[in-house]
Amino acid sequence: MDPIVHTIPETCTRAKVGRTVVYEAIRSGALRAVKRGRRTLILDEDLRQWVHSFPPLEPKALVRRLDSNGAI
């Protein structure tokens, strides 16, 4: 069963990002965090929403490189 809350280190591991990225997302309001005592926790639903908000990678056009003779 998946946990419903994540600590900051768990959030970093699950999202494959560093602590700085997580704290910047919290400060900007992109990622909602809650406090339980001194601990900062991220609800699983909020983590999933944040990760799904990442922009998709746009495929680049295929660039053909020519050698010095003009051949592909």
C-alpha atoms as a PDB file:
ATOM      1  CA  MET A   1       0.000   0.000   0.000  1.00  0.00           C
ATOM      2  CA  ASP A   2       1.367   3.408  -0.963  1.00  0.00           C
ATOM      3  CA  PRO A   3       1.855   5.928   1.845  1.00  0.00           C
ATOM      4  CA  ILE A   4      -0.489   8.924   1.883  1.00  0.00           C
ATOM      5  CA  VAL A   5       2.208  11.345   3.070  1.00  0.00           C
ATOM      6  CA  HIS A   6       5.892  11.730   2.260  1.00  0.00           C
ATOM      7  CA  THR A   7       8.769  13.384   4.068  1.00  0.00           C
ATOM      8  CA  ILE A   8      11.035  15.706   2.093  1.00  0.00           C
ATOM      9  CA  PRO A   9      13.650  12.961   1.495  1.00  0.00           C
ATOM     10  CA  GLU A  10      10.901  10.555   0.387  1.00  0.00           C
ATOM     11  CA  THR A  11       9.473  13.227  -1.914  1.00  0.00           C
ATOM     12  CA  CYS A  12      12.898  13.726  -3.490  1.00  0.00           C
ATOM     13  CA  THR A  13      13.294  10.001  -4.038  1.00  0.00           C
ATOM     14  CA  ARG A  14       9.821   9.481  -5.496  1.00  0.00           C
ATOM     15  CA  ALA A  15       9.986  12.532  -7.786  1.00  0.00           C
ATOM     16  CA  LYS A  16      13.668  11.942  -8.697  1.00  0.00           C
ATOM     17  CA  VAL A  17      14.582  15.548  -7.845  1.00  0.00           C
ATOM     18  CA  GLY A  18      16.821  17.237  -5.297  1.00  0.00           C
ATOM     19  CA  ARG A  19      15.888  18.953  -2.048  1.00  0.00           C
ATOM     20  CA  THR A  20      16.423  22.410  -3.542  1.00  0.00           C
ATOM     21  CA  VAL A  21      13.874  21.716  -6.291  1.00  0.00           C
ATOM     22  CA  VAL A  22      11.334  20.486  -3.727  1.00  0.00           C
ATOM     23  CA  TYR A  23      11.800  23.477  -1.416  1.00  0.00           C
ATOM     24  CA  GLU A  24      11.632  25.909  -4.360  1.00  0.00           C
ATOM     25  CA  ALA A  25       8.375  24.282  -5.481  1.00  0.00           C
ATOM     26  CA  ILE A  26       6.973  24.630  -1.960  1.00  0.00           C
ATOM     27  CA  ARG A  27       8.059  28.289  -1.705  1.00  0.00           C
ATOM     28  CA  SER A  28       6.543  29.128  -5.107  1.00  0.00           C
ATOM     29  CA  GLY A  29       3.266  27.412  -4.266  1.00  0.00           C
ATOM     30  CA  ALA A  30       3.657  24.806  -7.009  1.00  0.00           C
ATOM     31  CA  LEU A  31       3.853  22.025  -4.408  1.00  0.00           C
ATOM     32  CA  ARG A  32       1.657  22.088  -1.320  1.00  0.00           C
ATOM     33  CA  ALA A  33       3.238  21.046   1.959  1.00  0.00           C
ATOM     34  CA  VAL A  34       1.724  20.524   5.391  1.00  0.00           C
ATOM     35  CA  LYS A  35       3.316  20.610   8.823  1.00  0.00           C
ATOM     36  CA  ARG A  36       3.013  17.993  11.550  1.00  0.00           C
ATOM     37  CA  GLY A  37       4.951  19.382  14.466  1.00  0.00           C
ATOM     38  CA  ARG A  38       8.353  20.263  13.049  1.00  0.00           C
ATOM     39  CA  ARG A  39       8.085  17.892  10.101  1.00  0.00           C
ATOM     40  CA  THR A  40       7.256  19.084   6.611  1.00  0.00           C
ATOM     41  CA  LEU A  41       5.106  16.549   4.822  1.00  0.00           C
ATOM     42  CA  ILE A  42       3.817  16.259   1.283  1.00  0.00           C
ATOM     43  CA  LEU A  43       0.480  14.564   0.685  1.00  0.00           C
ATOM     44  CA  ASP A  44       0.694  11.864  -1.982  1.00  0.00           C
ATOM     45  CA  GLU A  45      -2.074  13.499  -4.024  1.00  0.00           C
ATOM     46  CA  ASP A  46      -0.180  16.832  -4.027  1.00  0.00           C
ATOM     47  CA  LEU A  47       3.061  15.124  -5.050  1.00  0.00           C
ATOM     48  CA  ARG A  48       1.328  13.369  -7.930  1.00  0.00           C
ATOM     49  CA  GLN A  49      -0.319  16.623  -9.094  1.00  0.00           C
ATOM     50  CA  TRP A  50       3.021  18.444  -8.976  1.00  0.00           C
ATOM     51  CA  VAL A  51       4.842  15.753 -10.963  1.00  0.00           C
ATOM     52  CA  HIS A  52       2.029  15.635 -13.524  1.00  0.00           C
ATOM     53  CA  SER A  53       2.348  19.416 -13.950  1.00  0.00           C
ATOM     54  CA  PHE A  54       5.920  19.081 -15.275  1.00  0.00           C
ATOM     55  CA  PRO A  55       6.031  20.228 -18.906  1.00  0.00           C
ATOM     56  CA  PRO A  56       6.344  17.477 -21.499  1.00  0.00           C
ATOM     57  CA  LEU A  57       9.571  17.101 -23.385  1.00  0.00           C
ATOM     58  CA  GLU A  58       9.129  18.375 -26.916  1.00  0.00           C
ATOM     59  CA  PRO A  59      10.821  16.173 -29.502  1.00  0.00           C
ATOM     60  CA  LYS A  60      13.422  17.962 -31.554  1.00  0.00           C
ATOM     61  CA  ALA A  61      13.393  17.770 -35.319  1.00  0.00           C
ATOM     62  CA  LEU A  62      15.756  15.206 -36.736  1.00  0.00           C
ATOM     63  CA  VAL A  63      18.885  16.981 -37.846  1.00  0.00           C
ATOM     64  CA  ARG A  64      20.890  15.224 -40.469  1.00  0.00           C
ATOM     65  CA  ARG A  65      24.570  15.840 -40.359  1.00  0.00           C
ATOM     66  CA  LEU A  66      26.549  15.958 -43.517  1.00  0.00           C
ATOM     67  CA  ASP A  67      30.119  14.793 -43.712  1.00  0.00           C
ATOM     68  CA  SER A  68      32.790  16.890 -45.394  1.00  0.00           C
ATOM     69  CA  ASN A  69      31.803  15.414 -48.804  1.00  0.00           C
ATOM     70  CA  GLY A  70      28.164  16.417 -48.419  1.00  0.00           C
ATOM     71  CA  ALA A  71      26.998  12.837 -47.791  1.00  0.00           C
ATOM     72  CA  ILE A  72      24.624  11.938 -44.992  1.00  0.00           C
END
